[in-house]
Amino acid sequence: MDPSRPLDALNEARNKRVVVELKNGRKIIGDLQSFDIHINLVLDNSEEHENNELKRKIGKVFIRGDTIVLISVA
């Protein structure tokens, strides 16, 4: 399937490890479980990174779409 639309690309990343960069400069790395049309995300097995260092393991997390700058498959 050609992910020609943004939600198609996110659907392709479901159940894969993703890196989510936030507006505050932090990165959350985790397994993409679900998302909605506002790009709100639920990640599992997630970790928070700051300045390229592991800050803490946070497990399941909900991330508001309006705080996201970038989403990439790890």
Protein backbone atom coordinates (compact mmCIF):
# COMPACT_ATOMS: atom_id res chain seq x y z
CA MET A 1 0.00 0.00 0.00
CA ASP A 2 1.32 3.43 -0.95
CA PRO A 3 1.01 5.74 2.08
CA SER A 4 0.14 8.83 0.03
CA ARG A 5 -1.87 10.47 2.83
CA PRO A 6 -0.55 11.27 6.32
CA LEU A 7 -3.01 8.99 8.13
CA ASP A 8 -2.10 6.17 5.72
CA ALA A 9 1.57 6.60 6.66
CA LEU A 10 0.67 6.47 10.37
CA ASN A 11 -1.41 3.36 9.77
CA GLU A 12 1.63 1.72 8.15
CA ALA A 13 3.60 2.52 11.34
CA ARG A 14 1.04 0.94 13.68
CA ASN A 15 2.60 -1.71 15.96
CA LYS A 16 6.10 -0.52 15.00
CA ARG A 17 8.68 1.36 17.05
CA VAL A 18 8.43 5.11 16.40
CA VAL A 19 10.34 8.21 17.46
CA VAL A 20 8.11 11.18 18.33
CA GLU A 21 9.80 14.57 18.62
CA LEU A 22 7.91 17.12 20.69
CA LYS A 23 7.84 20.92 20.59
CA ASN A 24 9.66 21.06 23.94
CA GLY A 25 12.69 19.27 22.41
CA ARG A 26 12.07 15.90 24.03
CA LYS A 27 11.75 12.62 22.19
CA ILE A 28 9.44 9.77 23.05
CA ILE A 29 10.32 6.38 21.59
CA GLY A 30 7.73 3.62 21.74
CA ASP A 31 5.48 1.16 19.94
CA LEU A 32 2.65 2.96 18.12
CA GLN A 33 -0.62 1.41 19.29
CA SER A 34 -3.24 3.83 17.98
CA PHE A 35 -3.95 7.36 16.73
CA ASP A 36 -6.87 9.56 15.73
CA ILE A 37 -7.55 12.27 13.14
CA HIS A 38 -5.93 14.88 15.43
CA ILE A 39 -2.71 12.80 15.44
CA ASN A 40 -3.15 12.09 19.15
CA LEU A 41 -1.03 8.97 19.73
CA VAL A 42 -0.96 6.09 22.15
CA LEU A 43 2.48 4.45 22.50
CA ASP A 44 3.38 1.39 24.56
CA ASN A 45 6.80 0.37 25.95
CA SER A 46 7.82 4.00 25.66
CA GLU A 47 10.85 5.90 26.88
CA GLU A 48 11.45 9.63 27.23
CA HIS A 49 14.73 10.97 25.87
CA GLU A 50 16.17 14.42 26.46
CA ASN A 51 19.41 15.65 24.86
CA ASN A 52 19.79 12.19 23.25
CA GLU A 53 19.89 10.49 26.66
CA LEU A 54 17.35 8.18 28.27
CA LYS A 55 15.56 10.20 30.91
CA ARG A 56 12.96 7.64 32.03
CA LYS A 57 10.90 4.65 30.98
CA ILE A 58 7.20 5.49 30.97
CA GLY A 59 5.40 2.47 29.51
CA LYS A 60 2.01 3.34 27.98
CA VAL A 61 1.62 7.02 27.13
CA PHE A 62 -0.90 9.29 25.41
CA ILE A 63 0.63 12.16 23.39
CA ARG A 64 -1.48 15.09 22.21
CA GLY A 65 -1.13 15.72 18.51
CA ASP A 66 -0.65 19.48 18.91
CA THR A 67 2.62 18.88 20.82
CA ILE A 68 4.20 16.78 18.04
CA VAL A 69 6.79 18.12 15.59
CA LEU A 70 7.86 14.86 13.92
CA ILE A 71 7.00 11.15 13.86
CA SER A 72 9.48 8.67 12.41
CA VAL A 73 9.64 4.88 12.28
CA ALA A 74 12.67 3.85 14.36
